[in-house]
Amino acid sequence: MGELSTLPNIAKKMEEQLNQVGIMTIQQLQETGSREAWLKIKAMDPSACYNRLCALEGALQKVRWHNLPPEIKADLKEFYTLHK
């Protein structure tokens, strides 16, 4: 496993998917952002869900996604609803 798996919420499958969409490093994930990274993953894996979006955001904030503030979760839910 690579560098991305050192972040919270990023296990082997998520790291593989990020790699498949061209995101190989933490810096690339930071530059891409959780929403754009999720859209890229969703384009190749239609099963990409709200939890995966939250996991990416949590990884960027270096927290378990369950611990994201409610206002961030609400914003992500709105984004997810618009793009599912």
N, C-alpha and C. Protein backbone atom coordinates (compact mmCIF):
# COMPACT_ATOMS: atom_id res chain seq x y z
N MET A 1 0.85 -1.17 0.00
CA MET A 1 0.00 0.00 0.00
C MET A 1 0.90 1.24 0.00
N GLY A 2 0.35 2.31 -0.50
CA GLY A 2 1.15 3.50 -0.67
C GLY A 2 0.87 4.59 0.34
N GLU A 3 1.28 5.76 -0.05
CA GLU A 3 1.20 6.94 0.80
C GLU A 3 -0.24 7.29 1.21
N LEU A 4 -1.18 7.15 0.29
CA LEU A 4 -2.56 7.54 0.59
C LEU A 4 -3.15 6.74 1.73
N SER A 5 -2.74 5.49 1.87
CA SER A 5 -3.30 4.64 2.92
C SER A 5 -2.85 5.05 4.32
N THR A 6 -1.94 6.02 4.41
CA THR A 6 -1.55 6.54 5.72
C THR A 6 -2.59 7.51 6.26
N LEU A 7 -3.51 7.94 5.40
CA LEU A 7 -4.58 8.86 5.82
C LEU A 7 -5.74 8.08 6.43
N PRO A 8 -6.46 8.70 7.36
CA PRO A 8 -7.66 8.04 7.89
C PRO A 8 -8.65 7.77 6.76
N ASN A 9 -9.38 6.72 6.89
CA ASN A 9 -10.47 6.34 5.96
C ASN A 9 -10.00 5.76 4.63
N ILE A 10 -8.71 5.77 4.36
CA ILE A 10 -8.22 5.28 3.07
C ILE A 10 -7.64 3.88 3.25
N ALA A 11 -8.44 2.90 2.88
CA ALA A 11 -7.98 1.51 2.92
C ALA A 11 -7.51 1.12 1.51
N LYS A 12 -7.16 -0.14 1.36
CA LYS A 12 -6.58 -0.62 0.11
C LYS A 12 -7.46 -0.34 -1.11
N LYS A 13 -8.75 -0.65 -1.02
CA LYS A 13 -9.64 -0.47 -2.17
C LYS A 13 -9.75 1.00 -2.55
N MET A 14 -9.91 1.87 -1.56
CA MET A 14 -10.03 3.30 -1.85
C MET A 14 -8.73 3.82 -2.47
N GLU A 15 -7.60 3.39 -1.94
CA GLU A 15 -6.33 3.82 -2.50
C GLU A 15 -6.19 3.34 -3.95
N GLU A 16 -6.58 2.11 -4.21
CA GLU A 16 -6.53 1.59 -5.59
C GLU A 16 -7.40 2.42 -6.52
N GLN A 17 -8.59 2.78 -6.06
CA GLN A 17 -9.47 3.59 -6.90
C GLN A 17 -8.88 4.97 -7.14
N LEU A 18 -8.32 5.57 -6.11
CA LEU A 18 -7.68 6.88 -6.28
C LEU A 18 -6.54 6.78 -7.28
N ASN A 19 -5.75 5.73 -7.17
CA ASN A 19 -4.64 5.52 -8.11
C ASN A 19 -5.16 5.36 -9.54
N GLN A 20 -6.27 4.64 -9.69
CA GLN A 20 -6.84 4.41 -11.02
C GLN A 20 -7.30 5.71 -11.68
N VAL A 21 -7.68 6.70 -10.88
CA VAL A 21 -8.12 7.99 -11.44
C VAL A 21 -6.98 9.01 -11.45
N GLY A 22 -5.75 8.54 -11.21
CA GLY A 22 -4.59 9.40 -11.34
C GLY A 22 -4.16 10.13 -10.08
N ILE A 23 -4.72 9.77 -8.95
CA ILE A 23 -4.34 10.40 -7.68
C ILE A 23 -3.46 9.40 -6.93
N MET A 24 -2.18 9.73 -6.88
CA MET A 24 -1.20 8.80 -6.31
C MET A 24 -0.63 9.27 -4.97
N THR A 25 -0.73 10.56 -4.69
CA THR A 25 -0.09 11.11 -3.49
C THR A 25 -1.08 11.94 -2.68
N ILE A 26 -0.71 12.19 -1.44
CA ILE A 26 -1.54 13.03 -0.57
C ILE A 26 -1.67 14.42 -1.18
N GLN A 27 -0.57 14.94 -1.71
CA GLN A 27 -0.61 16.27 -2.32
C GLN A 27 -1.58 16.31 -3.50
N GLN A 28 -1.58 15.28 -4.32
CA GLN A 28 -2.52 15.23 -5.45
C GLN A 28 -3.96 15.18 -4.95
N LEU A 29 -4.21 14.45 -3.88
CA LEU A 29 -5.56 14.40 -3.31
C LEU A 29 -5.95 15.77 -2.77
N GLN A 30 -5.03 16.44 -2.10
CA GLN A 30 -5.31 17.78 -1.58
C GLN A 30 -5.62 18.75 -2.72
N GLU A 31 -4.85 18.67 -3.79
CA GLU A 31 -5.07 19.56 -4.93
C GLU A 31 -6.38 19.26 -5.64
N THR A 32 -6.75 17.99 -5.70
CA THR A 32 -7.98 17.58 -6.37
C THR A 32 -9.20 17.90 -5.53
N GLY A 33 -9.10 17.65 -4.23
CA GLY A 33 -10.23 17.86 -3.32
C GLY A 33 -11.13 16.64 -3.27
N SER A 34 -11.87 16.54 -2.20
CA SER A 34 -12.70 15.36 -1.98
C SER A 34 -13.81 15.23 -3.01
N ARG A 35 -14.43 16.33 -3.37
CA ARG A 35 -15.57 16.27 -4.29
C ARG A 35 -15.14 15.82 -5.68
N GLU A 36 -14.09 16.44 -6.21
CA GLU A 36 -13.61 16.08 -7.55
C GLU A 36 -13.07 14.66 -7.56
N ALA A 37 -12.35 14.27 -6.50
CA ALA A 37 -11.84 12.89 -6.42
C ALA A 37 -13.01 11.91 -6.43
N TRP A 38 -14.06 12.22 -5.68
CA TRP A 38 -15.23 11.34 -5.62
C TRP A 38 -15.90 11.25 -6.99
N LEU A 39 -16.02 12.39 -7.69
CA LEU A 39 -16.63 12.36 -9.02
C LEU A 39 -15.83 11.49 -9.98
N LYS A 40 -14.52 11.55 -9.89
CA LYS A 40 -13.67 10.72 -10.74
C LYS A 40 -13.87 9.23 -10.41
N ILE A 41 -13.93 8.92 -9.13
CA ILE A 41 -14.16 7.53 -8.72
C ILE A 41 -15.54 7.08 -9.18
N LYS A 42 -16.55 7.92 -8.99
CA LYS A 42 -17.91 7.57 -9.37
C LYS A 42 -18.04 7.32 -10.86
N ALA A 43 -17.25 8.02 -11.66
CA ALA A 43 -17.30 7.82 -13.11
C ALA A 43 -16.88 6.40 -13.49
N MET A 44 -16.02 5.78 -12.70
CA MET A 44 -15.60 4.41 -13.00
C MET A 44 -16.29 3.38 -12.11
N ASP A 45 -16.86 3.83 -11.00
CA ASP A 45 -17.53 2.91 -10.07
C ASP A 45 -18.85 3.54 -9.62
N PRO A 46 -19.94 3.24 -10.32
CA PRO A 46 -21.22 3.85 -9.99
C PRO A 46 -21.72 3.56 -8.57
N SER A 47 -21.09 2.61 -7.88
CA SER A 47 -21.51 2.32 -6.51
C SER A 47 -20.92 3.31 -5.49
N ALA A 48 -20.10 4.26 -5.96
CA ALA A 48 -19.51 5.25 -5.05
C ALA A 48 -20.64 5.98 -4.32
N CYS A 49 -20.61 5.92 -3.00
CA CYS A 49 -21.73 6.40 -2.20
C CYS A 49 -21.34 7.64 -1.37
N TYR A 50 -22.31 8.13 -0.66
CA TYR A 50 -22.12 9.28 0.23
C TYR A 50 -21.02 9.01 1.25
N ASN A 51 -20.98 7.81 1.80
CA ASN A 51 -19.95 7.48 2.79
C ASN A 51 -18.54 7.58 2.21
N ARG A 52 -18.41 7.21 0.95
CA ARG A 52 -17.09 7.30 0.30
C ARG A 52 -16.68 8.76 0.13
N LEU A 53 -17.65 9.60 -0.21
CA LEU A 53 -17.38 11.04 -0.31
C LEU A 53 -16.93 11.58 1.05
N CYS A 54 -17.64 11.22 2.10
CA CYS A 54 -17.28 11.66 3.45
C CYS A 54 -15.91 11.12 3.85
N ALA A 55 -15.61 9.89 3.46
CA ALA A 55 -14.31 9.30 3.78
C ALA A 55 -13.19 10.10 3.15
N LEU A 56 -13.39 10.54 1.91
CA LEU A 56 -12.36 11.35 1.25
C LEU A 56 -12.18 12.69 1.95
N GLU A 57 -13.28 13.32 2.31
CA GLU A 57 -13.17 14.60 3.03
C GLU A 57 -12.50 14.41 4.38
N GLY A 58 -12.88 13.35 5.09
CA GLY A 58 -12.25 13.06 6.37
C GLY A 58 -10.76 12.81 6.23
N ALA A 59 -10.38 12.12 5.16
CA ALA A 59 -8.95 11.87 4.91
C ALA A 59 -8.21 13.20 4.76
N LEU A 60 -8.81 14.12 4.02
CA LEU A 60 -8.16 15.42 3.83
C LEU A 60 -8.06 16.21 5.13
N GLN A 61 -9.06 16.03 5.99
CA GLN A 61 -9.04 16.74 7.28
C GLN A 61 -8.33 15.93 8.36
N LYS A 62 -7.89 14.74 7.99
CA LYS A 62 -7.16 13.84 8.89
C LYS A 62 -7.97 13.43 10.11
N VAL A 63 -9.27 13.13 9.84
CA VAL A 63 -10.16 12.62 10.89
C VAL A 63 -10.98 11.47 10.31
N ARG A 64 -11.46 10.59 11.18
CA ARG A 64 -12.42 9.58 10.75
C ARG A 64 -13.65 10.33 10.24
N TRP A 65 -14.22 9.84 9.15
CA TRP A 65 -15.31 10.60 8.54
C TRP A 65 -16.51 10.74 9.47
N HIS A 66 -16.68 9.83 10.40
CA HIS A 66 -17.79 9.92 11.35
C HIS A 66 -17.66 11.17 12.22
N ASN A 67 -16.44 11.68 12.37
CA ASN A 67 -16.18 12.83 13.23
C ASN A 67 -16.18 14.16 12.50
N LEU A 68 -16.56 14.16 11.23
CA LEU A 68 -16.67 15.43 10.51
C LEU A 68 -17.77 16.27 11.16
N PRO A 69 -17.60 17.58 11.20
CA PRO A 69 -18.65 18.44 11.76
C PRO A 69 -19.96 18.30 10.98
N PRO A 70 -21.09 18.43 11.67
CA PRO A 70 -22.40 18.26 11.01
C PRO A 70 -22.60 19.17 9.80
N GLU A 71 -22.08 20.39 9.85
CA GLU A 71 -22.28 21.30 8.72
C GLU A 71 -21.51 20.83 7.49
N ILE A 72 -20.36 20.21 7.68
CA ILE A 72 -19.61 19.67 6.54
C ILE A 72 -20.33 18.45 5.99
N LYS A 73 -20.85 17.60 6.87
CA LYS A 73 -21.62 16.44 6.40
C LYS A 73 -22.85 16.88 5.61
N ALA A 74 -23.51 17.93 6.08
CA ALA A 74 -24.70 18.44 5.38
C ALA A 74 -24.33 18.97 4.00
N ASP A 75 -23.21 19.68 3.91
CA ASP A 75 -22.74 20.21 2.64
C ASP A 75 -22.39 19.07 1.68
N LEU A 76 -21.72 18.04 2.20
CA LEU A 76 -21.37 16.89 1.38
C LEU A 76 -22.63 16.14 0.93
N LYS A 77 -23.62 16.04 1.80
CA LYS A 77 -24.88 15.36 1.46
C LYS A 77 -25.57 16.09 0.32
N GLU A 78 -25.57 17.42 0.38
CA GLU A 78 -26.17 18.21 -0.69
C GLU A 78 -25.43 17.97 -2.01
N PHE A 79 -24.10 17.99 -1.97
CA PHE A 79 -23.30 17.73 -3.17
C PHE A 79 -23.60 16.34 -3.71
N TYR A 80 -23.62 15.35 -2.82
CA TYR A 80 -23.90 13.97 -3.22
C TYR A 80 -25.26 13.87 -3.90
N THR A 81 -26.27 14.49 -3.32
CA THR A 81 -27.62 14.43 -3.85
C THR A 81 -27.67 15.03 -5.26
N LEU A 82 -26.91 16.07 -5.50
CA LEU A 82 -26.89 16.70 -6.82
C LEU A 82 -26.16 15.86 -7.87
N HIS A 83 -25.27 14.98 -7.43
CA HIS A 83 -24.41 14.25 -8.37
C HIS A 83 -24.57 12.73 -8.34
N LYS A 84 -25.56 12.22 -7.62
CA LYS A 84 -25.70 10.76 -7.58
C LYS A 84 -26.36 10.22 -8.80
